[in-house]
PDB file of N, CA and C in Angstrom:
ATOM      1  N   MET A   1      -9.954 -11.007   2.709  1.00  0.00           N
ATOM      2  CA  MET A   1      -9.668  -9.331   2.726  1.00  0.00           C
ATOM      3  C   MET A   1      -9.814  -9.322   1.277  1.00  0.00           C
ATOM      4  N   ASP A   2     -10.286  -8.797   0.300  1.00  0.00           N
ATOM      5  CA  ASP A   2     -10.069  -8.508  -0.974  1.00  0.00           C
ATOM      6  C   ASP A   2      -9.012  -7.747  -1.199  1.00  0.00           C
ATOM      7  N   THR A   3      -7.922  -8.053  -1.603  1.00  0.00           N
ATOM      8  CA  THR A   3      -7.113  -6.945  -1.940  1.00  0.00           C
ATOM      9  C   THR A   3      -7.106  -6.644  -3.170  1.00  0.00           C
ATOM     10  N   ARG A   4      -7.344  -7.205  -4.068  1.00  0.00           N
ATOM     11  CA  ARG A   4      -7.346  -6.794  -5.654  1.00  0.00           C
ATOM     12  C   ARG A   4      -8.558  -5.944  -5.731  1.00  0.00           C
ATOM     13  N   ASN A   5      -9.662  -5.855  -5.426  1.00  0.00           N
ATOM     14  CA  ASN A   5     -10.906  -5.208  -5.511  1.00  0.00           C
ATOM     15  C   ASN A   5     -11.083  -4.214  -4.476  1.00  0.00           C
ATOM     16  N   PRO A   6     -10.465  -3.382  -3.406  1.00  0.00           N
ATOM     17  CA  PRO A   6     -11.160  -2.814  -2.647  1.00  0.00           C
ATOM     18  C   PRO A   6     -11.578  -1.962  -2.626  1.00  0.00           C
ATOM     19  N   LEU A   7     -11.227  -1.334  -3.396  1.00  0.00           N
ATOM     20  CA  LEU A   7     -12.975   0.025  -4.063  1.00  0.00           C
ATOM     21  C   LEU A   7     -13.760  -0.608  -4.114  1.00  0.00           C
ATOM     22  N   GLU A   8     -14.254  -1.964  -4.114  1.00  0.00           N
ATOM     23  CA  GLU A   8     -15.223  -2.273  -4.325  1.00  0.00           C
ATOM     24  C   GLU A   8     -15.938  -3.032  -3.159  1.00  0.00           C
ATOM     25  N   ASN A   9     -15.095  -3.518  -2.192  1.00  0.00           N
ATOM     26  CA  ASN A   9     -14.817  -4.145  -0.981  1.00  0.00           C
ATOM     27  C   ASN A   9     -14.741  -4.333   0.087  1.00  0.00           C
ATOM     28  N   GLU A  10     -13.468  -2.572   0.251  1.00  0.00           N
ATOM     29  CA  GLU A  10     -12.859  -2.914   1.256  1.00  0.00           C
ATOM     30  C   GLU A  10     -12.781  -1.793   2.086  1.00  0.00           C
ATOM     31  N   THR A  11     -12.492  -1.127   3.137  1.00  0.00           N
ATOM     32  CA  THR A  11     -12.033  -0.061   3.717  1.00  0.00           C
ATOM     33  C   THR A  11     -10.990   0.708   2.914  1.00  0.00           C
ATOM     34  N   THR A  12     -11.490   2.143   2.395  1.00  0.00           N
ATOM     35  CA  THR A  12     -10.334   2.517   1.308  1.00  0.00           C
ATOM     36  C   THR A  12     -11.068   4.323   2.188  1.00  0.00           C
ATOM     37  N   PHE A  13     -10.333   5.408   2.001  1.00  0.00           N
ATOM     38  CA  PHE A  13     -10.364   6.636   2.241  1.00  0.00           C
ATOM     39  C   PHE A  13     -11.997   6.919   1.279  1.00  0.00           C
ATOM     40  N   ILE A  14     -12.438   7.765   1.901  1.00  0.00           N
ATOM     41  CA  ILE A  14     -13.435   8.644   1.295  1.00  0.00           C
ATOM     42  C   ILE A  14     -13.586  10.232   1.093  1.00  0.00           C
ATOM     43  N   PRO A  15     -14.480  10.377   0.555  1.00  0.00           N
ATOM     44  CA  PRO A  15     -14.704  10.555  -0.636  1.00  0.00           C
ATOM     45  C   PRO A  15     -13.633  10.347  -1.816  1.00  0.00           C
ATOM     46  N   LYS A  16     -13.816   9.991  -3.169  1.00  0.00           N
ATOM     47  CA  LYS A  16     -13.192   9.840  -4.321  1.00  0.00           C
ATOM     48  C   LYS A  16     -13.744  10.586  -5.279  1.00  0.00           C
ATOM     49  N   TYR A  17     -12.683  11.397  -6.297  1.00  0.00           N
ATOM     50  CA  TYR A  17     -13.802  11.725  -7.116  1.00  0.00           C
ATOM     51  C   TYR A  17     -12.552  11.597  -8.211  1.00  0.00           C
ATOM     52  N   ASN A  18     -13.218  11.422  -9.541  1.00  0.00           N
ATOM     53  CA  ASN A  18     -12.016  11.416 -10.486  1.00  0.00           C
ATOM     54  C   ASN A  18     -10.966  10.322 -10.874  1.00  0.00           C
ATOM     55  N   ILE A  19     -11.756   9.276 -10.539  1.00  0.00           N
ATOM     56  CA  ILE A  19     -10.503   8.154 -10.255  1.00  0.00           C
ATOM     57  C   ILE A  19      -9.744   7.475 -11.199  1.00  0.00           C
ATOM     58  N   LYS A  20      -8.875   7.018 -11.979  1.00  0.00           N
ATOM     59  CA  LYS A  20      -7.881   6.858 -12.801  1.00  0.00           C
ATOM     60  C   LYS A  20      -7.130   5.835 -12.901  1.00  0.00           C
ATOM     61  N   GLU A  21      -6.928   4.706 -13.751  1.00  0.00           N
ATOM     62  CA  GLU A  21      -5.784   3.932 -13.853  1.00  0.00           C
ATOM     63  C   GLU A  21      -4.550   4.222 -14.411  1.00  0.00           C
ATOM     64  N   VAL A  22      -3.344   4.584 -13.443  1.00  0.00           N
ATOM     65  CA  VAL A  22      -1.859   4.740 -13.824  1.00  0.00           C
ATOM     66  C   VAL A  22      -1.030   4.166 -14.285  1.00  0.00           C
ATOM     67  N   ALA A  23       0.027   3.909 -14.894  1.00  0.00           N
ATOM     68  CA  ALA A  23       0.920   2.753 -14.776  1.00  0.00           C
ATOM     69  C   ALA A  23       1.018   2.880 -13.406  1.00  0.00           C
ATOM     70  N   ASN A  24       1.821   1.455 -13.673  1.00  0.00           N
ATOM     71  CA  ASN A  24       2.277   0.978 -12.322  1.00  0.00           C
ATOM     72  C   ASN A  24       3.962   1.202 -12.238  1.00  0.00           C
ATOM     73  N   GLN A  25       3.867   2.165 -11.178  1.00  0.00           N
ATOM     74  CA  GLN A  25       5.592   2.195 -11.182  1.00  0.00           C
ATOM     75  C   GLN A  25       6.600   1.762 -11.104  1.00  0.00           C
ATOM     76  N   PHE A  26       6.226  -0.333 -10.123  1.00  0.00           N
ATOM     77  CA  PHE A  26       7.310  -0.766  -9.704  1.00  0.00           C
ATOM     78  C   PHE A  26       6.895  -2.101 -10.226  1.00  0.00           C
ATOM     79  N   PRO A  27       6.777  -1.795 -10.869  1.00  0.00           N
ATOM     80  CA  PRO A  27       6.827  -3.616 -11.815  1.00  0.00           C
ATOM     81  C   PRO A  27       7.714  -4.410 -11.680  1.00  0.00           C
ATOM     82  N   ASN A  28       7.197  -5.444 -11.348  1.00  0.00           N
ATOM     83  CA  ASN A  28       7.918  -6.739 -11.124  1.00  0.00           C
ATOM     84  C   ASN A  28       7.285  -7.491 -11.001  1.00  0.00           C
ATOM     85  N   GLU A  29       7.656  -9.508 -10.648  1.00  0.00           N
ATOM     86  CA  GLU A  29       7.073 -10.328 -10.690  1.00  0.00           C
ATOM     87  C   GLU A  29       6.037 -10.100  -9.546  1.00  0.00           C
ATOM     88  N   ASP A  30       6.228  -9.930  -8.337  1.00  0.00           N
ATOM     89  CA  ASP A  30       5.315  -9.765  -7.222  1.00  0.00           C
ATOM     90  C   ASP A  30       3.947  -9.475  -8.006  1.00  0.00           C
ATOM     91  N   ASN A  31       4.130  -7.931  -8.726  1.00  0.00           N
ATOM     92  CA  ASN A  31       3.474  -6.985  -8.647  1.00  0.00           C
ATOM     93  C   ASN A  31       2.360  -7.514  -9.988  1.00  0.00           C
ATOM     94  N   GLU A  32       2.732  -8.474 -10.315  1.00  0.00           N
ATOM     95  CA  GLU A  32       2.210  -8.813 -12.014  1.00  0.00           C
ATOM     96  C   GLU A  32       0.509  -8.255 -11.807  1.00  0.00           C
ATOM     97  N   ASN A  33      -0.303  -8.252 -10.749  1.00  0.00           N
ATOM     98  CA  ASN A  33      -1.290  -7.851 -10.537  1.00  0.00           C
ATOM     99  C   ASN A  33      -1.683  -6.694 -10.363  1.00  0.00           C
ATOM    100  N   ALA A  34      -0.874  -6.007  -9.583  1.00  0.00           N
ATOM    101  CA  ALA A  34      -1.134  -4.317  -9.709  1.00  0.00           C
ATOM    102  C   ALA A  34      -1.250  -3.516 -10.088  1.00  0.00           C
ATOM    103  N   LYS A  35      -2.410  -2.779  -9.810  1.00  0.00           N
ATOM    104  CA  LYS A  35      -3.041  -1.568 -10.371  1.00  0.00           C
ATOM    105  C   LYS A  35      -2.911  -0.613  -9.683  1.00  0.00           C
ATOM    106  N   THR A  36      -2.460   0.402 -10.328  1.00  0.00           N
ATOM    107  CA  THR A  36      -2.599   1.697  -9.524  1.00  0.00           C
ATOM    108  C   THR A  36      -3.788   2.629  -9.921  1.00  0.00           C
ATOM    109  N   TYR A  37      -4.033   3.584  -9.085  1.00  0.00           N
ATOM    110  CA  TYR A  37      -5.354   4.262  -9.367  1.00  0.00           C
ATOM    111  C   TYR A  37      -4.663   5.717  -8.780  1.00  0.00           C
ATOM    112  N   GLN A  38      -4.981   7.020  -9.488  1.00  0.00           N
ATOM    113  CA  GLN A  38      -4.772   8.320  -8.760  1.00  0.00           C
ATOM    114  C   GLN A  38      -6.379   8.973  -8.726  1.00  0.00           C
ATOM    115  N   TYR A  39      -6.890   9.623  -7.661  1.00  0.00           N
ATOM    116  CA  TYR A  39      -7.767  10.323  -7.734  1.00  0.00           C
ATOM    117  C   TYR A  39      -7.758  11.601  -6.929  1.00  0.00           C
ATOM    118  N   GLU A  40      -8.904  12.416  -6.971  1.00  0.00           N
ATOM    119  CA  GLU A  40      -8.701  13.433  -6.249  1.00  0.00           C
ATOM    120  C   GLU A  40      -9.627  13.050  -4.688  1.00  0.00           C
ATOM    121  N   SER A  41      -9.722  14.216  -3.691  1.00  0.00           N
ATOM    122  CA  SER A  41     -10.565  14.023  -2.516  1.00  0.00           C
ATOM    123  C   SER A  41     -10.441  15.599  -2.379  1.00  0.00           C
ATOM    124  N   ARG A  42     -11.322  15.533  -0.670  1.00  0.00           N
ATOM    125  CA  ARG A  42     -11.641  16.590  -0.069  1.00  0.00           C
ATOM    126  C   ARG A  42     -10.818  16.410   1.214  1.00  0.00           C
ATOM    127  N   LEU A  43     -10.075  17.713   1.940  1.00  0.00           N
ATOM    128  CA  LEU A  43     -10.089  17.306   3.455  1.00  0.00           C
ATOM    129  C   LEU A  43     -10.137  18.592   4.195  1.00  0.00           C
ATOM    130  N   TYR A  44     -10.533  18.487   5.288  1.00  0.00           N
ATOM    131  CA  TYR A  44     -11.265  19.849   6.086  1.00  0.00           C
ATOM    132  C   TYR A  44     -10.172  19.973   7.020  1.00  0.00           C
ATOM    133  N   ALA A  45      -9.676  21.211   6.722  1.00  0.00           N
ATOM    134  CA  ALA A  45      -8.479  21.535   7.723  1.00  0.00           C
ATOM    135  C   ALA A  45      -8.878  22.845   8.395  1.00  0.00           C
ATOM    136  N   LYS A  46      -8.841  22.934   9.775  1.00  0.00           N
ATOM    137  CA  LYS A  46      -9.001  23.987  10.233  1.00  0.00           C
ATOM    138  C   LYS A  46      -7.936  24.373  11.455  1.00  0.00           C
ATOM    139  N   TYR A  47      -6.984  25.412  11.158  1.00  0.00           N
ATOM    140  CA  TYR A  47      -5.923  26.145  11.728  1.00  0.00           C
ATOM    141  C   TYR A  47      -5.906  27.615  11.783  1.00  0.00           C
ATOM    142  N   ASN A  48      -4.713  27.535  12.955  1.00  0.00           N
ATOM    143  CA  ASN A  48      -4.332  29.122  12.272  1.00  0.00           C
ATOM    144  C   ASN A  48      -3.061  29.291  12.426  1.00  0.00           C
ATOM    145  N   THR A  49      -2.288  30.291  11.289  1.00  0.00           N
ATOM    146  CA  THR A  49      -0.208  29.952  11.532  1.00  0.00           C
ATOM    147  C   THR A  49      -0.357  31.274  10.617  1.00  0.00           C
ATOM    148  N   THR A  50       0.653  31.719  10.809  1.00  0.00           N
ATOM    149  CA  THR A  50       1.053  32.656  10.436  1.00  0.00           C
ATOM    150  C   THR A  50       1.088  32.304   8.460  1.00  0.00           C
ATOM    151  N   PRO A  51       1.455  33.561   7.385  1.00  0.00           N
ATOM    152  CA  PRO A  51       1.015  33.118   5.807  1.00  0.00           C
ATOM    153  C   PRO A  51       2.204  32.650   5.495  1.00  0.00           C
ATOM    154  N   GLU A  52       3.624  32.819   6.094  1.00  0.00           N
ATOM    155  CA  GLU A  52       4.747  32.129   5.477  1.00  0.00           C
ATOM    156  C   GLU A  52       5.014  30.694   6.339  1.00  0.00           C
ATOM    157  N   ASN A  53       3.902  29.912   7.146  1.00  0.00           N
ATOM    158  CA  ASN A  53       4.297  28.686   7.386  1.00  0.00           C
ATOM    159  C   ASN A  53       3.738  27.696   6.600  1.00  0.00           C
ATOM    160  N   THR A  54       3.803  26.453   6.412  1.00  0.00           N
ATOM    161  CA  THR A  54       3.058  25.279   6.088  1.00  0.00           C
ATOM    162  C   THR A  54       2.783  24.694   6.688  1.00  0.00           C
ATOM    163  N   VAL A  55       1.864  23.660   6.379  1.00  0.00           N
ATOM    164  CA  VAL A  55       1.859  22.530   7.121  1.00  0.00           C
ATOM    165  C   VAL A  55       1.318  21.150   6.219  1.00  0.00           C
ATOM    166  N   ASP A  56       1.992  20.295   6.406  1.00  0.00           N
ATOM    167  CA  ASP A  56       2.025  18.870   5.867  1.00  0.00           C
ATOM    168  C   ASP A  56       1.174  17.776   6.273  1.00  0.00           C
ATOM    169  N   ILE A  57       0.331  17.416   5.521  1.00  0.00           N
ATOM    170  CA  ILE A  57      -0.366  16.222   6.083  1.00  0.00           C
ATOM    171  C   ILE A  57      -0.912  14.798   4.920  1.00  0.00           C
ATOM    172  N   SER A  58      -0.461  14.023   5.838  1.00  0.00           N
ATOM    173  CA  SER A  58      -0.163  12.512   4.988  1.00  0.00           C
ATOM    174  C   SER A  58      -0.915  11.288   6.081  1.00  0.00           C
ATOM    175  N   MET A  59      -1.575  10.990   4.984  1.00  0.00           N
ATOM    176  CA  MET A  59      -2.625   9.953   6.063  1.00  0.00           C
ATOM    177  C   MET A  59      -2.535   8.677   4.971  1.00  0.00           C
ATOM    178  N   SER A  60      -2.221   7.465   5.384  1.00  0.00           N
ATOM    179  CA  SER A  60      -1.961   6.156   4.574  1.00  0.00           C
ATOM    180  C   SER A  60      -3.163   5.378   5.214  1.00  0.00           C
ATOM    181  N   PHE A  61      -3.183   3.736   4.600  1.00  0.00           N
ATOM    182  CA  PHE A  61      -3.743   2.998   5.047  1.00  0.00           C
ATOM    183  C   PHE A  61      -3.388   2.145   4.023  1.00  0.00           C
ATOM    184  N   MET A  62      -3.443   0.437   4.756  1.00  0.00           N
ATOM    185  CA  MET A  62      -2.834  -0.747   4.172  1.00  0.00           C
ATOM    186  C   MET A  62      -3.628  -2.179   4.631  1.00  0.00           C
ATOM    187  N   GLY A  63      -4.222  -2.643   3.482  1.00  0.00           N
ATOM    188  CA  GLY A  63      -5.146  -3.955   4.230  1.00  0.00           C
ATOM    189  C   GLY A  63      -3.839  -4.921   2.865  1.00  0.00           C
ATOM    190  N   MET A  64      -4.005  -6.094   4.431  1.00  0.00           N
ATOM    191  CA  MET A  64      -3.283  -7.080   3.924  1.00  0.00           C
ATOM    192  C   MET A  64      -3.725  -8.567   4.276  1.00  0.00           C
ATOM    193  N   ASN A  65      -3.198  -9.804   3.435  1.00  0.00           N
ATOM    194  CA  ASN A  65      -3.826 -11.002   3.971  1.00  0.00           C
ATOM    195  C   ASN A  65      -1.959 -11.770   4.050  1.00  0.00           C
ATOM    196  N   ASN A  66      -1.787 -12.068   4.861  1.00  0.00           N
ATOM    197  CA  ASN A  66      -0.653 -13.037   4.899  1.00  0.00           C
ATOM    198  C   ASN A  66      -0.659 -14.123   5.947  1.00  0.00           C
ATOM    199  N   TRP A  67      -0.009 -15.577   5.191  1.00  0.00           N
ATOM    200  CA  TRP A  67      -0.020 -17.234   5.607  1.00  0.00           C
ATOM    201  C   TRP A  67       1.241 -17.250   5.530  1.00  0.00           C
ATOM    202  N   TRP A  68       1.318 -18.606   5.904  1.00  0.00           N
ATOM    203  CA  TRP A  68       2.785 -18.998   6.085  1.00  0.00           C
ATOM    204  C   TRP A  68       2.408 -20.675   5.526  1.00  0.00           C
ATOM    205  N   ILE A  69       3.028 -20.961   4.451  1.00  0.00           N
ATOM    206  CA  ILE A  69       3.083 -22.236   4.135  1.00  0.00           C
ATOM    207  C   ILE A  69       4.538 -22.847   3.508  1.00  0.00           C
ATOM    208  N   TYR A  70       5.218 -23.060   3.973  1.00  0.00           N
ATOM    209  CA  TYR A  70       6.893 -23.240   3.942  1.00  0.00           C
ATOM    210  C   TYR A  70       7.329 -21.774   3.565  1.00  0.00           C
ATOM    211  N   GLY A  71       7.241 -20.733   4.299  1.00  0.00           N
ATOM    212  CA  GLY A  71       7.673 -19.681   4.242  1.00  0.00           C
ATOM    213  C   GLY A  71       6.574 -18.882   4.385  1.00  0.00           C
ATOM    214  N   TRP A  72       6.936 -17.353   4.364  1.00  0.00           N
ATOM    215  CA  TRP A  72       5.685 -16.567   4.710  1.00  0.00           C
ATOM    216  C   TRP A  72       5.635 -16.199   3.022  1.00  0.00           C
ATOM    217  N   SER A  73       4.203 -15.935   2.916  1.00  0.00           N
ATOM    218  CA  SER A  73       3.858 -15.022   1.592  1.00  0.00           C
ATOM    219  C   SER A  73       2.513 -14.381   1.758  1.00  0.00           C
ATOM    220  N   GLY A  74       2.149 -13.809   1.135  1.00  0.00           N
ATOM    221  CA  GLY A  74       0.445 -12.794   1.238  1.00  0.00           C
ATOM    222  C   GLY A  74       0.432 -12.058  -0.207  1.00  0.00           C
ATOM    223  N   ASN A  75      -0.274 -10.829   0.339  1.00  0.00           N
ATOM    224  CA  ASN A  75      -1.469  -9.582  -1.033  1.00  0.00           C
ATOM    225  C   ASN A  75      -1.634  -8.803  -0.189  1.00  0.00           C
ATOM    226  N   GLN A  76      -1.439  -7.431  -0.248  1.00  0.00           N
ATOM    227  CA  GLN A  76      -2.117  -6.247  -0.156  1.00  0.00           C
ATOM    228  C   GLN A  76      -2.193  -5.523  -1.231  1.00  0.00           C
ATOM    229  N   TYR A  77      -3.149  -4.305  -0.641  1.00  0.00           N
ATOM    230  CA  TYR A  77      -3.249  -3.012  -0.808  1.00  0.00           C
ATOM    231  C   TYR A  77      -2.769  -1.785   0.014  1.00  0.00           C
ATOM    232  N   HIS A  78      -2.607  -0.438  -0.801  1.00  0.00           N
ATOM    233  CA  HIS A  78      -2.006   0.567  -0.009  1.00  0.00           C
ATOM    234  C   HIS A  78      -2.565   1.743  -0.197  1.00  0.00           C
ATOM    235  N   GLU A  79      -2.795   2.653   0.302  1.00  0.00           N
ATOM    236  CA  GLU A  79      -3.393   4.027   0.181  1.00  0.00           C
ATOM    237  C   GLU A  79      -2.880   4.835   0.614  1.00  0.00           C
ATOM    238  N   HIS A  80      -3.079   6.081  -0.170  1.00  0.00           N
ATOM    239  CA  HIS A  80      -1.918   7.628   0.551  1.00  0.00           C
ATOM    240  C   HIS A  80      -2.600   8.697   0.046  1.00  0.00           C
ATOM    241  N   LEU A  81      -2.291   9.763   0.784  1.00  0.00           N
ATOM    242  CA  LEU A  81      -3.240  10.936   0.571  1.00  0.00           C
ATOM    243  C   LEU A  81      -1.795  12.048   1.298  1.00  0.00           C
ATOM    244  N   TYR A  82      -1.621  12.799  -0.025  1.00  0.00           N
ATOM    245  CA  TYR A  82      -0.508  13.822   1.212  1.00  0.00           C
ATOM    246  C   TYR A  82      -0.547  15.219   0.610  1.00  0.00           C
ATOM    247  N   ILE A  83      -1.108  16.614   0.944  1.00  0.00           N
ATOM    248  CA  ILE A  83      -1.124  17.954   0.818  1.00  0.00           C
ATOM    249  C   ILE A  83       0.197  18.696   1.577  1.00  0.00           C
ATOM    250  N   ILE A  84       0.316  19.738   0.666  1.00  0.00           N
ATOM    251  CA  ILE A  84       0.978  20.853   1.803  1.00  0.00           C
ATOM    252  C   ILE A  84       0.305  22.419   1.777  1.00  0.00           C
ATOM    253  N   LEU A  85      -0.202  22.741   2.882  1.00  0.00           N
ATOM    254  CA  LEU A  85      -0.923  23.704   3.017  1.00  0.00           C
ATOM    255  C   LEU A  85      -0.034  24.904   3.560  1.00  0.00           C
ATOM    256  N   GLU A  86      -0.450  25.713   2.892  1.00  0.00           N
ATOM    257  CA  GLU A  86       0.356  27.183   3.774  1.00  0.00           C
ATOM    258  C   GLU A  86      -0.552  28.082   4.544  1.00  0.00           C
ATOM    259  N   GLY A  87      -0.378  28.966   5.068  1.00  0.00           N
ATOM    260  CA  GLY A  87      -0.997  29.762   6.006  1.00  0.00           C
ATOM    261  C   GLY A  87      -2.110  28.990   6.706  1.00  0.00           C
ATOM    262  N   SER A  88      -3.101  30.079   7.233  1.00  0.00           N
ATOM    263  CA  SER A  88      -4.291  29.021   8.043  1.00  0.00           C
ATOM    264  C   SER A  88      -4.934  29.110   7.134  1.00  0.00           C
ATOM    265  N   GLN A  89      -5.884  28.135   7.397  1.00  0.00           N
ATOM    266  CA  GLN A  89      -7.168  27.199   7.140  1.00  0.00           C
ATOM    267  C   GLN A  89      -8.122  26.837   7.897  1.00  0.00           C
ATOM    268  N   GLU A  90      -9.447  26.861   6.992  1.00  0.00           N
ATOM    269  CA  GLU A  90     -10.662  27.154   7.640  1.00  0.00           C
ATOM    270  C   GLU A  90     -11.484  26.599   6.513  1.00  0.00           C
ATOM    271  N   GLY A  91     -11.761  25.193   6.023  1.00  0.00           N
ATOM    272  CA  GLY A  91     -12.931  25.011   5.389  1.00  0.00           C
ATOM    273  C   GLY A  91     -12.327  23.407   4.387  1.00  0.00           C
ATOM    274  N   TRP A  92     -13.250  23.247   3.355  1.00  0.00           N
ATOM    275  CA  TRP A  92     -12.318  21.642   2.584  1.00  0.00           C
ATOM    276  C   TRP A  92     -11.400  22.620   1.531  1.00  0.00           C
ATOM    277  N   VAL A  93     -10.725  21.484   1.235  1.00  0.00           N
ATOM    278  CA  VAL A  93      -9.050  21.697   0.315  1.00  0.00           C
ATOM    279  C   VAL A  93      -9.055  20.617  -0.605  1.00  0.00           C
ATOM    280  N   PRO A  94      -9.080  20.968  -1.373  1.00  0.00           N
ATOM    281  CA  PRO A  94      -8.741  19.434  -2.422  1.00  0.00           C
ATOM    282  C   PRO A  94      -7.287  18.432  -2.159  1.00  0.00           C
ATOM    283  N   ILE A  95      -7.324  17.552  -2.331  1.00  0.00           N
ATOM    284  CA  ILE A  95      -6.325  16.740  -1.964  1.00  0.00           C
ATOM    285  C   ILE A  95      -5.970  15.556  -3.383  1.00  0.00           C
ATOM    286  N   LYS A  96      -5.143  15.131  -3.358  1.00  0.00           N
ATOM    287  CA  LYS A  96      -4.556  13.996  -4.646  1.00  0.00           C
ATOM    288  C   LYS A  96      -4.523  12.905  -3.627  1.00  0.00           C
ATOM    289  N   GLY A  97      -4.790  11.379  -3.940  1.00  0.00           N
ATOM    290  CA  GLY A  97      -4.887   9.981  -3.588  1.00  0.00           C
ATOM    291  C   GLY A  97      -4.173   9.164  -4.190  1.00  0.00           C
ATOM    292  N   GLU A  98      -3.166   8.214  -4.160  1.00  0.00           N
ATOM    293  CA  GLU A  98      -2.994   7.260  -4.858  1.00  0.00           C
ATOM    294  C   GLU A  98      -3.290   5.936  -3.910  1.00  0.00           C
ATOM    295  N   ILE A  99      -4.039   5.116  -4.661  1.00  0.00           N
ATOM    296  CA  ILE A  99      -4.027   3.838  -3.817  1.00  0.00           C
ATOM    297  C   ILE A  99      -3.744   2.180  -4.815  1.00  0.00           C
ATOM    298  N   VAL A 100      -2.959   1.669  -4.377  1.00  0.00           N
ATOM    299  CA  VAL A 100      -2.260   0.550  -5.574  1.00  0.00           C
ATOM    300  C   VAL A 100      -2.798  -0.959  -4.874  1.00  0.00           C
ATOM    301  N   THR A 101      -3.747  -1.381  -5.810  1.00  0.00           N
ATOM    302  CA  THR A 101      -4.147  -2.744  -5.261  1.00  0.00           C
ATOM    303  C   THR A 101      -3.781  -4.106  -6.189  1.00  0.00           C
ATOM    304  N   GLY A 102      -3.458  -5.422  -5.474  1.00  0.00           N
ATOM    305  CA  GLY A 102      -3.570  -6.550  -5.941  1.00  0.00           C
ATOM    306  C   GLY A 102      -1.875  -6.729  -5.686  1.00  0.00           C
ATOM    307  N   GLU A 103      -1.050  -6.407  -5.061  1.00  0.00           N
ATOM    308  CA  GLU A 103       0.521  -6.456  -4.995  1.00  0.00           C
ATOM    309  C   GLU A 103       0.217  -7.742  -3.906  1.00  0.00           C
ATOM    310  N   GLY A 104       1.217  -8.974  -4.392  1.00  0.00           N
ATOM    311  CA  GLY A 104       1.919  -9.943  -3.720  1.00  0.00           C
ATOM    312  C   GLY A 104       1.625 -10.870  -4.301  1.00  0.00           C
ATOM    313  N   ASN A 105       1.158 -12.355  -3.920  1.00  0.00           N
ATOM    314  CA  ASN A 105       1.076 -13.745  -4.075  1.00  0.00           C
ATOM    315  C   ASN A 105      -0.526 -13.896  -4.693  1.00  0.00           C
ATOM    316  N   TYR A 106      -1.105 -14.141  -5.621  1.00  0.00           N
ATOM    317  CA  TYR A 106      -2.221 -15.051  -5.569  1.00  0.00           C
ATOM    318  C   TYR A 106      -2.293 -16.228  -5.704  1.00  0.00           C
ATOM    319  N   ARG A 107      -1.565 -16.910  -6.114  1.00  0.00           N
ATOM    320  CA  ARG A 107      -1.582 -18.589  -6.721  1.00  0.00           C
ATOM    321  C   ARG A 107      -1.836 -19.108  -5.331  1.00  0.00           C
TER     322      ARG A 107
END
């Protein structure tokens, strides 16, 4: 699995618009290859509720490689989308997403 370049070669959420690389929030030795990207997407929501109610929607996805050579090691990418909607919905709404690639061991 290509955890360094999943946007080109692996399963991720779609669609993605306006992808931009941002600073790594948790830099450390295990994340020296990590890159963080933020993007916009669209979500179709259809439900009825009262105007004062909110609905939280969260989606996550992870791809990883793990192996054992004198101890566990591996690398991964992970993606997350989250939105809070108010009141009833029927239609496409914008949602923000983030994907972190290249975390872990590549030696």
